[in-house]
PDB file of all heavy atoms in Angstrom:
ATOM      1  N   TYR A   1       7.930 -10.294  -2.345  1.00  0.00           N
ATOM      2  CA  TYR A   1       6.901  -9.614  -1.568  1.00  0.00           C
ATOM      3  C   TYR A   1       6.562 -10.356  -0.271  1.00  0.00           C
ATOM      4  O   TYR A   1       6.610 -11.572  -0.207  1.00  0.00           O
ATOM      5  CB  TYR A   1       5.633  -9.456  -2.415  1.00  0.00           C
ATOM      6  CG  TYR A   1       5.909  -8.800  -3.751  1.00  0.00           C
ATOM      7  CD1 TYR A   1       5.820  -9.523  -4.940  1.00  0.00           C
ATOM      8  CD2 TYR A   1       6.300  -7.460  -3.817  1.00  0.00           C
ATOM      9  CE1 TYR A   1       6.105  -8.919  -6.151  1.00  0.00           C
ATOM     10  CE2 TYR A   1       6.580  -6.860  -5.028  1.00  0.00           C
ATOM     11  CZ  TYR A   1       6.492  -7.590  -6.196  1.00  0.00           C
ATOM     12  OH  TYR A   1       6.782  -6.999  -7.388  1.00  0.00           O
ATOM     13  N   THR A   2       6.209  -9.566   0.739  1.00  0.00           N
ATOM     14  CA  THR A   2       5.703 -10.116   1.991  1.00  0.00           C
ATOM     15  C   THR A   2       4.389  -9.409   2.316  1.00  0.00           C
ATOM     16  O   THR A   2       4.096  -8.329   1.788  1.00  0.00           O
ATOM     17  CB  THR A   2       6.707  -9.907   3.150  1.00  0.00           C
ATOM     18  OG1 THR A   2       7.014  -8.500   3.261  1.00  0.00           O
ATOM     19  CG2 THR A   2       7.988 -10.674   2.903  1.00  0.00           C
ATOM     20  N   TYR A   3       3.619 -10.032   3.203  1.00  0.00           N
ATOM     21  CA  TYR A   3       2.295  -9.504   3.526  1.00  0.00           C
ATOM     22  C   TYR A   3       2.148  -9.418   5.040  1.00  0.00           C
ATOM     23  O   TYR A   3       2.423 -10.372   5.757  1.00  0.00           O
ATOM     24  CB  TYR A   3       1.209 -10.413   2.940  1.00  0.00           C
ATOM     25  CG  TYR A   3       1.291 -10.527   1.430  1.00  0.00           C
ATOM     26  CD1 TYR A   3       2.154 -11.456   0.836  1.00  0.00           C
ATOM     27  CD2 TYR A   3       0.539  -9.713   0.607  1.00  0.00           C
ATOM     28  CE1 TYR A   3       2.250 -11.562  -0.548  1.00  0.00           C
ATOM     29  CE2 TYR A   3       0.619  -9.809  -0.773  1.00  0.00           C
ATOM     30  CZ  TYR A   3       1.481 -10.733  -1.348  1.00  0.00           C
ATOM     31  OH  TYR A   3       1.578 -10.816  -2.710  1.00  0.00           O
ATOM     32  N   LYS A   4       1.713  -8.269   5.502  1.00  0.00           N
ATOM     33  CA  LYS A   4       1.443  -8.080   6.924  1.00  0.00           C
ATOM     34  C   LYS A   4       0.637  -6.798   7.098  1.00  0.00           C
ATOM     35  O   LYS A   4       0.549  -5.976   6.194  1.00  0.00           O
ATOM     36  CB  LYS A   4       2.751  -7.995   7.720  1.00  0.00           C
ATOM     37  CG  LYS A   4       3.680  -6.870   7.293  1.00  0.00           C
ATOM     38  CD  LYS A   4       4.986  -6.888   8.081  1.00  0.00           C
ATOM     39  CE  LYS A   4       5.951  -5.805   7.599  1.00  0.00           C
ATOM     40  NZ  LYS A   4       7.211  -5.796   8.371  1.00  0.00           N
ATOM     41  N   LYS A   5       0.071  -6.643   8.257  1.00  0.00           N
ATOM     42  CA  LYS A   5      -0.701  -5.442   8.545  1.00  0.00           C
ATOM     43  C   LYS A   5       0.226  -4.247   8.642  1.00  0.00           C
ATOM     44  O   LYS A   5       1.340  -4.350   9.165  1.00  0.00           O
ATOM     45  CB  LYS A   5      -1.451  -5.614   9.865  1.00  0.00           C
ATOM     46  CG  LYS A   5      -2.950  -5.460   9.740  1.00  0.00           C
ATOM     47  CD  LYS A   5      -3.624  -5.622  11.078  1.00  0.00           C
ATOM     48  CE  LYS A   5      -5.110  -5.348  10.935  1.00  0.00           C
ATOM     49  NZ  LYS A   5      -5.799  -5.461  12.234  1.00  0.00           N
ATOM     50  N   GLY A   6      -0.246  -3.091   8.139  1.00  0.00           N
ATOM     51  CA  GLY A   6       0.604  -1.907   8.175  1.00  0.00           C
ATOM     52  C   GLY A   6      -0.206  -0.631   8.279  1.00  0.00           C
ATOM     53  O   GLY A   6      -1.194  -0.567   9.004  1.00  0.00           O
ATOM     54  N   ASP A   7       0.194   0.352   7.525  1.00  0.00           N
ATOM     55  CA  ASP A   7      -0.434   1.669   7.526  1.00  0.00           C
ATOM     56  C   ASP A   7      -1.814   1.596   6.866  1.00  0.00           C
ATOM     57  O   ASP A   7      -1.999   0.876   5.889  1.00  0.00           O
ATOM     58  CB  ASP A   7       0.475   2.631   6.757  1.00  0.00           C
ATOM     59  CG  ASP A   7       0.099   4.079   6.933  1.00  0.00           C
ATOM     60  OD1 ASP A   7      -0.958   4.474   6.421  1.00  0.00           O
ATOM     61  OD2 ASP A   7       0.868   4.827   7.565  1.00  0.00           O
ATOM     62  N   PRO A   8      -2.796   2.367   7.356  1.00  0.00           N
ATOM     63  CA  PRO A   8      -4.122   2.397   6.715  1.00  0.00           C
ATOM     64  C   PRO A   8      -4.064   2.850   5.255  1.00  0.00           C
ATOM     65  O   PRO A   8      -4.950   2.505   4.460  1.00  0.00           O
ATOM     66  CB  PRO A   8      -4.907   3.404   7.559  1.00  0.00           C
ATOM     67  CG  PRO A   8      -4.228   3.403   8.889  1.00  0.00           C
ATOM     68  CD  PRO A   8      -2.783   3.161   8.602  1.00  0.00           C
ATOM     69  N   SER A   9      -3.031   3.597   4.904  1.00  0.00           N
ATOM     70  CA  SER A   9      -2.874   4.047   3.514  1.00  0.00           C
ATOM     71  C   SER A   9      -2.230   2.991   2.621  1.00  0.00           C
ATOM     72  O   SER A   9      -2.084   3.206   1.420  1.00  0.00           O
ATOM     73  CB  SER A   9      -2.014   5.323   3.468  1.00  0.00           C
ATOM     74  OG  SER A   9      -2.644   6.379   4.146  1.00  0.00           O
ATOM     75  N   GLY A  10      -1.844   1.857   3.218  1.00  0.00           N
ATOM     76  CA  GLY A  10      -1.164   0.812   2.473  1.00  0.00           C
ATOM     77  C   GLY A  10      -2.053  -0.375   2.170  1.00  0.00           C
ATOM     78  O   GLY A  10      -3.163  -0.489   2.708  1.00  0.00           O
ATOM     79  N   ILE A  11      -1.550  -1.269   1.313  1.00  0.00           N
ATOM     80  CA  ILE A  11      -2.336  -2.431   0.901  1.00  0.00           C
ATOM     81  C   ILE A  11      -1.939  -3.699   1.657  1.00  0.00           C
ATOM     82  O   ILE A  11      -2.429  -4.779   1.345  1.00  0.00           O
ATOM     83  CB  ILE A  11      -2.222  -2.656  -0.622  1.00  0.00           C
ATOM     84  CG1 ILE A  11      -0.786  -3.030  -1.034  1.00  0.00           C
ATOM     85  CG2 ILE A  11      -2.698  -1.429  -1.387  1.00  0.00           C
ATOM     86  CD1 ILE A  11      -0.652  -3.457  -2.493  1.00  0.00           C
ATOM     87  N   GLY A  12      -1.044  -3.552   2.640  1.00  0.00           N
ATOM     88  CA  GLY A  12      -0.620  -4.718   3.416  1.00  0.00           C
ATOM     89  C   GLY A  12       0.367  -5.593   2.678  1.00  0.00           C
ATOM     90  O   GLY A  12       0.610  -6.739   3.059  1.00  0.00           O
ATOM     91  N   LYS A  13       0.974  -5.055   1.633  1.00  0.00           N
ATOM     92  CA  LYS A  13       1.957  -5.780   0.832  1.00  0.00           C
ATOM     93  C   LYS A  13       3.247  -4.990   0.854  1.00  0.00           C
ATOM     94  O   LYS A  13       3.237  -3.767   0.653  1.00  0.00           O
ATOM     95  CB  LYS A  13       1.436  -5.926  -0.605  1.00  0.00           C
ATOM     96  CG  LYS A  13       2.348  -6.701  -1.540  1.00  0.00           C
ATOM     97  CD  LYS A  13       1.684  -6.836  -2.923  1.00  0.00           C
ATOM     98  CE  LYS A  13       2.525  -7.636  -3.878  1.00  0.00           C
ATOM     99  NZ  LYS A  13       1.872  -7.794  -5.201  1.00  0.00           N
ATOM    100  N   TRP A  14       4.377  -5.668   1.094  1.00  0.00           N
ATOM    101  CA  TRP A  14       5.657  -4.999   1.309  1.00  0.00           C
ATOM    102  C   TRP A  14       6.674  -5.443   0.275  1.00  0.00           C
ATOM    103  O   TRP A  14       6.717  -6.613  -0.118  1.00  0.00           O
ATOM    104  CB  TRP A  14       6.180  -5.306   2.711  1.00  0.00           C
ATOM    105  CG  TRP A  14       5.255  -4.849   3.802  1.00  0.00           C
ATOM    106  CD1 TRP A  14       4.034  -5.371   4.118  1.00  0.00           C
ATOM    107  CD2 TRP A  14       5.472  -3.768   4.716  1.00  0.00           C
ATOM    108  NE1 TRP A  14       3.477  -4.686   5.176  1.00  0.00           N
ATOM    109  CE2 TRP A  14       4.332  -3.698   5.556  1.00  0.00           C
ATOM    110  CE3 TRP A  14       6.518  -2.876   4.904  1.00  0.00           C
ATOM    111  CZ2 TRP A  14       4.214  -2.765   6.564  1.00  0.00           C
ATOM    112  CZ3 TRP A  14       6.403  -1.939   5.923  1.00  0.00           C
ATOM    113  CH2 TRP A  14       5.270  -1.880   6.733  1.00  0.00           C
ATOM    114  N   TYR A  15       7.498  -4.481  -0.158  1.00  0.00           N
ATOM    115  CA  TYR A  15       8.579  -4.774  -1.098  1.00  0.00           C
ATOM    116  C   TYR A  15       9.862  -4.120  -0.607  1.00  0.00           C
ATOM    117  O   TYR A  15       9.928  -2.908  -0.424  1.00  0.00           O
ATOM    118  CB  TYR A  15       8.231  -4.244  -2.494  1.00  0.00           C
ATOM    119  CG  TYR A  15       9.320  -4.464  -3.517  1.00  0.00           C
ATOM    120  CD1 TYR A  15       9.723  -5.746  -3.855  1.00  0.00           C
ATOM    121  CD2 TYR A  15       9.951  -3.388  -4.139  1.00  0.00           C
ATOM    122  CE1 TYR A  15      10.729  -5.963  -4.791  1.00  0.00           C
ATOM    123  CE2 TYR A  15      10.960  -3.592  -5.080  1.00  0.00           C
ATOM    124  CZ  TYR A  15      11.338  -4.877  -5.395  1.00  0.00           C
ATOM    125  OH  TYR A  15      12.343  -5.080  -6.324  1.00  0.00           O
ATOM    126  N   MET A  16      10.860  -4.925  -0.314  1.00  0.00           N
ATOM    127  CA  MET A  16      12.167  -4.451   0.141  1.00  0.00           C
ATOM    128  C   MET A  16      12.043  -3.485   1.327  1.00  0.00           C
ATOM    129  O   MET A  16      12.693  -2.447   1.390  1.00  0.00           O
ATOM    130  CB  MET A  16      12.925  -3.791  -1.023  1.00  0.00           C
ATOM    131  CG  MET A  16      13.162  -4.738  -2.195  1.00  0.00           C
ATOM    132  SD  MET A  16      14.322  -4.127  -3.440  1.00  0.00           S
ATOM    133  CE  MET A  16      15.889  -4.401  -2.576  1.00  0.00           C
ATOM    134  N   GLY A  17      11.171  -3.849   2.269  1.00  0.00           N
ATOM    135  CA  GLY A  17      11.009  -3.060   3.478  1.00  0.00           C
ATOM    136  C   GLY A  17      10.052  -1.894   3.372  1.00  0.00           C
ATOM    137  O   GLY A  17       9.859  -1.158   4.337  1.00  0.00           O
ATOM    138  N   ARG A  18       9.429  -1.718   2.219  1.00  0.00           N
ATOM    139  CA  ARG A  18       8.503  -0.585   1.993  1.00  0.00           C
ATOM    140  C   ARG A  18       7.098  -1.123   1.755  1.00  0.00           C
ATOM    141  O   ARG A  18       6.884  -1.997   0.919  1.00  0.00           O
ATOM    142  CB  ARG A  18       8.950   0.222   0.779  1.00  0.00           C
ATOM    143  CG  ARG A  18       7.960   1.302   0.353  1.00  0.00           C
ATOM    144  CD  ARG A  18       8.425   2.015  -0.906  1.00  0.00           C
ATOM    145  NE  ARG A  18       8.499   1.136  -2.064  1.00  0.00           N
ATOM    146  CZ  ARG A  18       7.483   0.864  -2.874  1.00  0.00           C
ATOM    147  NH1 ARG A  18       6.279   1.364  -2.631  1.00  0.00           N
ATOM    148  NH2 ARG A  18       7.658   0.061  -3.914  1.00  0.00           N
ATOM    149  N   GLU A  19       6.130  -0.559   2.486  1.00  0.00           N
ATOM    150  CA  GLU A  19       4.745  -0.945   2.226  1.00  0.00           C
ATOM    151  C   GLU A  19       4.223  -0.193   1.011  1.00  0.00           C
ATOM    152  O   GLU A  19       4.427   1.018   0.865  1.00  0.00           O
ATOM    153  CB  GLU A  19       3.847  -0.658   3.434  1.00  0.00           C
ATOM    154  CG  GLU A  19       2.429  -1.198   3.217  1.00  0.00           C
ATOM    155  CD  GLU A  19       1.508  -1.019   4.423  1.00  0.00           C
ATOM    156  OE1 GLU A  19       1.898  -0.330   5.378  1.00  0.00           O
ATOM    157  OE2 GLU A  19       0.393  -1.569   4.377  1.00  0.00           O
ATOM    158  N   ILE A  20       3.554  -0.911   0.151  1.00  0.00           N
ATOM    159  CA  ILE A  20       2.990  -0.329  -1.068  1.00  0.00           C
ATOM    160  C   ILE A  20       1.701   0.420  -0.729  1.00  0.00           C
ATOM    161  O   ILE A  20       0.863  -0.067   0.027  1.00  0.00           O
ATOM    162  CB  ILE A  20       2.717  -1.440  -2.102  1.00  0.00           C
ATOM    163  CG1 ILE A  20       4.051  -2.111  -2.503  1.00  0.00           C
ATOM    164  CG2 ILE A  20       1.988  -0.904  -3.328  1.00  0.00           C
ATOM    165  CD1 ILE A  20       3.892  -3.406  -3.269  1.00  0.00           C
ATOM    166  N   ALA A  21       1.554   1.603  -1.282  1.00  0.00           N
ATOM    167  CA  ALA A  21       0.404   2.461  -0.992  1.00  0.00           C
ATOM    168  C   ALA A  21      -0.782   2.138  -1.896  1.00  0.00           C
ATOM    169  O   ALA A  21      -0.625   1.595  -2.998  1.00  0.00           O
ATOM    170  CB  ALA A  21       0.790   3.926  -1.164  1.00  0.00           C
ATOM    171  N   HIS A  22      -1.962   2.480  -1.418  1.00  0.00           N
ATOM    172  CA  HIS A  22      -3.156   2.379  -2.244  1.00  0.00           C
ATOM    173  C   HIS A  22      -3.042   3.319  -3.439  1.00  0.00           C
ATOM    174  O   HIS A  22      -2.473   4.411  -3.350  1.00  0.00           O
ATOM    175  CB  HIS A  22      -4.400   2.763  -1.437  1.00  0.00           C
ATOM    176  CG  HIS A  22      -4.908   1.678  -0.546  1.00  0.00           C
ATOM    177  ND1 HIS A  22      -5.472   0.519  -1.032  1.00  0.00           N
ATOM    178  CD2 HIS A  22      -4.942   1.584   0.818  1.00  0.00           C
ATOM    179  CE1 HIS A  22      -5.839  -0.251  -0.013  1.00  0.00           C
ATOM    180  NE2 HIS A  22      -5.516   0.358   1.109  1.00  0.00           N
ATOM    181  N   VAL A  23      -3.609   2.911  -4.564  1.00  0.00           N
ATOM    182  CA  VAL A  23      -3.649   3.757  -5.762  1.00  0.00           C
ATOM    183  C   VAL A  23      -4.628   4.908  -5.543  1.00  0.00           C
ATOM    184  O   VAL A  23      -5.710   4.719  -4.991  1.00  0.00           O
ATOM    185  CB  VAL A  23      -4.090   2.927  -6.987  1.00  0.00           C
ATOM    186  CG1 VAL A  23      -4.322   3.818  -8.205  1.00  0.00           C
ATOM    187  CG2 VAL A  23      -3.064   1.858  -7.301  1.00  0.00           C
ATOM    188  N   MET A  24      -4.230   6.101  -5.964  1.00  0.00           N
ATOM    189  CA  MET A  24      -5.147   7.236  -5.929  1.00  0.00           C
ATOM    190  C   MET A  24      -6.172   7.065  -7.038  1.00  0.00           C
ATOM    191  O   MET A  24      -5.821   6.953  -8.211  1.00  0.00           O
ATOM    192  CB  MET A  24      -4.399   8.554  -6.125  1.00  0.00           C
ATOM    193  CG  MET A  24      -5.269   9.767  -5.855  1.00  0.00           C
ATOM    194  SD  MET A  24      -4.504  11.329  -6.362  1.00  0.00           S
ATOM    195  CE  MET A  24      -4.805  11.265  -8.126  1.00  0.00           C
ATOM    196  N   GLY A  25      -7.433   7.018  -6.687  1.00  0.00           N
ATOM    197  CA  GLY A  25      -8.491   6.747  -7.651  1.00  0.00           C
ATOM    198  C   GLY A  25      -8.792   7.917  -8.581  1.00  0.00           C
ATOM    199  O   GLY A  25      -8.450   9.067  -8.302  1.00  0.00           O
ATOM    200  N   TYR A  26      -9.451   7.585  -9.679  1.00  0.00           N
ATOM    201  CA  TYR A  26      -9.817   8.598 -10.670  1.00  0.00           C
ATOM    202  C   TYR A  26     -10.741   9.669 -10.090  1.00  0.00           C
ATOM    203  O   TYR A  26     -10.861  10.769 -10.637  1.00  0.00           O
ATOM    204  CB  TYR A  26     -10.488   7.931 -11.870  1.00  0.00           C
ATOM    205  CG  TYR A  26     -11.870   7.380 -11.574  1.00  0.00           C
ATOM    206  CD1 TYR A  26     -13.008   8.164 -11.758  1.00  0.00           C
ATOM    207  CD2 TYR A  26     -12.039   6.081 -11.114  1.00  0.00           C
ATOM    208  CE1 TYR A  26     -14.274   7.668 -11.479  1.00  0.00           C
ATOM    209  CE2 TYR A  26     -13.294   5.583 -10.831  1.00  0.00           C
ATOM    210  CZ  TYR A  26     -14.413   6.369 -11.018  1.00  0.00           C
ATOM    211  OH  TYR A  26     -15.668   5.871 -10.740  1.00  0.00           O
ATOM    212  N   GLN A  27     -11.393   9.351  -8.951  1.00  0.00           N
ATOM    213  CA  GLN A  27     -12.299  10.324  -8.332  1.00  0.00           C
ATOM    214  C   GLN A  27     -11.579  11.612  -7.926  1.00  0.00           C
ATOM    215  O   GLN A  27     -12.200  12.659  -7.789  1.00  0.00           O
ATOM    216  CB  GLN A  27     -12.983   9.707  -7.106  1.00  0.00           C
ATOM    217  CG  GLN A  27     -13.880   8.521  -7.427  1.00  0.00           C
ATOM    218  CD  GLN A  27     -13.132   7.188  -7.447  1.00  0.00           C
ATOM    219  OE1 GLN A  27     -11.894   7.151  -7.434  1.00  0.00           O
ATOM    220  NE2 GLN A  27     -13.873   6.091  -7.475  1.00  0.00           N
ATOM    221  N   ARG A  28     -10.246  11.522  -7.777  1.00  0.00           N
ATOM    222  CA  ARG A  28      -9.459  12.705  -7.390  1.00  0.00           C
ATOM    223  C   ARG A  28      -8.748  13.331  -8.588  1.00  0.00           C
ATOM    224  O   ARG A  28      -7.755  14.038  -8.450  1.00  0.00           O
ATOM    225  CB  ARG A  28      -8.441  12.317  -6.318  1.00  0.00           C
ATOM    226  CG  ARG A  28      -9.068  11.860  -5.007  1.00  0.00           C
ATOM    227  CD  ARG A  28      -8.051  11.845  -3.891  1.00  0.00           C
ATOM    228  NE  ARG A  28      -7.544  13.163  -3.582  1.00  0.00           N
ATOM    229  CZ  ARG A  28      -6.430  13.393  -2.876  1.00  0.00           C
ATOM    230  NH1 ARG A  28      -5.716  12.379  -2.438  1.00  0.00           N
ATOM    231  NH2 ARG A  28      -6.026  14.611  -2.632  1.00  0.00           N
ATOM    232  N   MET A  29      -9.284  13.111  -9.756  1.00  0.00           N
ATOM    233  CA  MET A  29      -8.687  13.605 -10.981  1.00  0.00           C
ATOM    234  C   MET A  29      -8.499  15.125 -10.963  1.00  0.00           C
ATOM    235  O   MET A  29      -7.505  15.653 -11.445  1.00  0.00           O
ATOM    236  CB  MET A  29      -9.552  13.205 -12.184  1.00  0.00           C
ATOM    237  CG  MET A  29      -8.863  13.337 -13.521  1.00  0.00           C
ATOM    238  SD  MET A  29      -9.972  12.934 -14.895  1.00  0.00           S
ATOM    239  CE  MET A  29     -10.441  11.239 -14.525  1.00  0.00           C
TER     240      MET A  29
END
């Protein structure tokens, strides 16, 4: 993993060139 600023929908953590997205919360059940 690497860490850098990215998309607002992401957590700033990257894996194999892909930024990991925020989890969709239970509020959108």
